[in-house]
Amino acid sequence: MRILVVDDQKDVRAMISMVLRVNQFDVVEAGTATAGLQLFREQAFDAAIVDIYLEESNGLDLVSGLRALMPDLPVVAVSGMSAFDGAAMSDELTRVVYLQKPFRPAELMHAVELARTAVKDNKSAASLSACAG
C-alpha cells in the first residue's frame, strides 16, 4: 500500500513516514499542499495522511482536491489543535479519519485502518443501494 504524507513540519513527516515504513507501507512525503497535489497527479497512491493546518494552505482544501481526483481515497487528517470545526465540511470530507497530534504509532496505524475501512464500507453501501434501486 502506497501512502502520501503531507505535513509542513519535517520532523512530523519523518515520524509518520518511519512508522508507516516499519509497518511495510510505501511512503512518499510532501511538505506543502501544492507539492502533495502534484505528486498525487503524477503517481498512484492508496491513501493519504494530511495535516489540516498547513503553513501555506488549508489541508482540508487539499483533501478536497485529492478526493476530486480519487473519490474513494482513504484519508487521515492530522492536527495539533484540540478542537476541530467540522461543521462546514463538504461531502467528500465526511469519510475522513481525524487524528490529534501528538499521537502514538499504534494510534496512527489504527487511523489508517479506520480510513481504509470507511472507504470500503461506503463502497459496500453504495453497491447495496444500487442493487436495491
Protein backbone atom coordinates (compact mmCIF):
# COMPACT_ATOMS: atom_id res chain seq x y z
CA MET A 1 0.00 0.00 0.00
CA ARG A 2 1.36 3.40 -1.02
CA ILE A 3 0.61 6.42 1.19
CA LEU A 4 1.11 10.13 0.53
CA VAL A 5 2.10 12.06 3.68
CA VAL A 6 1.62 15.85 3.55
CA ASP A 7 2.78 17.88 6.55
CA ASP A 8 4.70 21.15 6.65
CA GLN A 9 6.67 20.05 9.72
CA LYS A 10 9.61 17.96 8.53
CA ASP A 11 10.04 16.14 11.86
CA VAL A 12 6.36 15.15 11.95
CA ARG A 13 6.51 13.95 8.33
CA ALA A 14 9.61 11.90 9.15
CA MET A 15 7.98 10.31 12.22
CA ILE A 16 4.80 9.42 10.33
CA SER A 17 6.82 8.02 7.43
CA MET A 18 9.03 5.96 9.73
CA VAL A 19 6.02 4.38 11.46
CA LEU A 20 4.41 3.56 8.12
CA ARG A 21 7.61 2.10 6.64
CA VAL A 22 8.18 -0.08 9.71
CA ASN A 23 4.68 -1.42 9.05
CA GLN A 24 5.58 -2.25 5.42
CA PHE A 25 3.91 0.72 3.69
CA ASP A 26 5.47 2.54 0.76
CA VAL A 27 5.59 6.26 1.65
CA VAL A 28 6.02 9.46 -0.36
CA GLU A 29 6.37 12.76 1.52
CA ALA A 30 5.39 16.33 0.63
CA GLY A 31 5.93 19.50 2.67
CA THR A 32 3.22 21.59 1.01
CA ALA A 33 -0.29 21.14 -0.35
CA THR A 34 0.93 22.16 -3.81
CA ALA A 35 3.68 19.53 -3.78
CA GLY A 36 1.28 16.90 -2.43
CA LEU A 37 -1.30 17.54 -5.12
CA GLN A 38 1.38 17.47 -7.82
CA LEU A 39 2.73 14.13 -6.54
CA PHE A 40 -0.81 12.74 -6.42
CA ARG A 41 -1.38 13.71 -10.05
CA GLU A 42 1.90 12.09 -11.13
CA GLN A 43 1.88 8.89 -9.06
CA ALA A 44 -0.56 6.28 -7.79
CA PHE A 45 -1.48 6.28 -4.09
CA ASP A 46 -3.74 4.08 -1.98
CA ALA A 47 -4.23 6.55 0.90
CA ALA A 48 -3.17 9.96 2.21
CA ILE A 49 -2.27 11.44 5.57
CA VAL A 50 -2.73 15.22 5.53
CA ASP A 51 -2.05 17.90 8.14
CA ILE A 52 -5.19 20.03 8.46
CA TYR A 53 -3.27 23.23 9.20
CA LEU A 54 -0.55 23.55 6.59
CA GLU A 55 1.58 26.69 6.67
CA GLU A 56 0.75 27.84 3.15
CA SER A 57 -2.78 26.48 2.77
CA ASN A 58 -5.70 24.64 4.29
CA GLY A 59 -5.19 20.89 4.46
CA LEU A 60 -8.92 20.31 4.05
CA ASP A 61 -8.76 22.05 0.68
CA LEU A 62 -6.01 19.60 -0.25
CA VAL A 63 -8.19 16.68 0.85
CA SER A 64 -10.98 18.03 -1.37
CA GLY A 65 -8.53 18.26 -4.27
CA LEU A 66 -7.30 14.71 -3.72
CA ARG A 67 -10.84 13.39 -3.45
CA ALA A 68 -11.77 15.22 -6.67
CA LEU A 69 -9.13 13.07 -8.38
CA MET A 70 -9.92 9.88 -6.43
CA PRO A 71 -13.29 10.00 -4.63
CA ASP A 72 -12.72 6.83 -2.60
CA LEU A 73 -9.26 7.79 -1.32
CA PRO A 74 -8.78 6.76 2.33
CA VAL A 75 -7.66 9.89 4.23
CA VAL A 76 -6.32 10.50 7.72
CA ALA A 77 -6.32 14.20 8.65
CA VAL A 78 -3.96 15.14 11.48
CA SER A 79 -3.94 18.29 13.58
CA GLY A 80 -2.16 19.73 16.58
CA MET A 81 -5.31 21.62 17.54
CA SER A 82 -7.51 20.10 20.24
CA ALA A 83 -10.75 21.22 18.61
CA PHE A 84 -11.77 20.88 15.00
CA ASP A 85 -14.79 22.58 13.48
CA GLY A 86 -16.12 20.06 11.03
CA ALA A 87 -19.47 21.79 10.67
CA ALA A 88 -18.62 23.24 7.27
CA MET A 89 -17.25 20.03 5.78
CA SER A 90 -18.32 19.13 2.28
CA ASP A 91 -19.50 15.64 1.34
CA GLU A 92 -16.07 14.47 0.18
CA LEU A 93 -14.71 15.14 3.67
CA THR A 94 -17.26 13.09 5.59
CA ARG A 95 -15.25 9.86 5.40
CA VAL A 96 -12.03 11.36 6.73
CA VAL A 97 -10.50 9.95 9.92
CA TYR A 98 -9.18 12.67 12.25
CA LEU A 99 -6.15 12.17 14.48
CA GLN A 100 -4.92 14.72 17.01
CA LYS A 101 -1.17 15.36 17.43
CA PRO A 102 0.73 14.16 19.29
CA PHE A 103 -0.22 10.55 18.67
CA ARG A 104 1.35 7.17 19.26
CA PRO A 105 2.42 4.88 16.41
CA ALA A 106 -0.39 2.44 17.23
CA GLU A 107 -2.93 5.28 17.02
CA LEU A 108 -1.62 6.25 13.59
CA MET A 109 -1.86 2.69 12.31
CA HIS A 110 -5.38 2.36 13.74
CA ALA A 111 -6.41 5.60 11.99
CA VAL A 112 -5.04 4.33 8.66
CA GLU A 113 -7.03 1.12 9.05
CA LEU A 114 -10.18 3.07 10.00
CA ALA A 115 -9.80 5.26 6.90
CA ARG A 116 -9.44 2.20 4.68
CA THR A 117 -12.48 0.58 6.32
CA ALA A 118 -14.59 3.74 5.97
CA VAL A 119 -13.99 3.75 2.23
CA LYS A 120 -14.70 0.02 1.90
CA ASP A 121 -17.90 0.38 3.93
CA ASN A 122 -19.01 3.30 1.77
CA LYS A 123 -18.40 1.28 -1.41
CA SER A 124 -20.40 -1.64 0.04
CA ALA A 125 -23.27 0.67 1.00
CA ALA A 126 -23.26 2.22 -2.49
CA SER A 127 -23.31 -1.25 -4.06
CA LEU A 128 -26.22 -2.31 -1.86
CA SER A 129 -28.12 0.89 -2.71
CA ALA A 130 -27.54 0.31 -6.42
CA CYS A 131 -28.78 -3.29 -6.13
CA ALA A 132 -31.86 -2.26 -4.15
CA GLY A 133 -32.77 0.56 -6.55
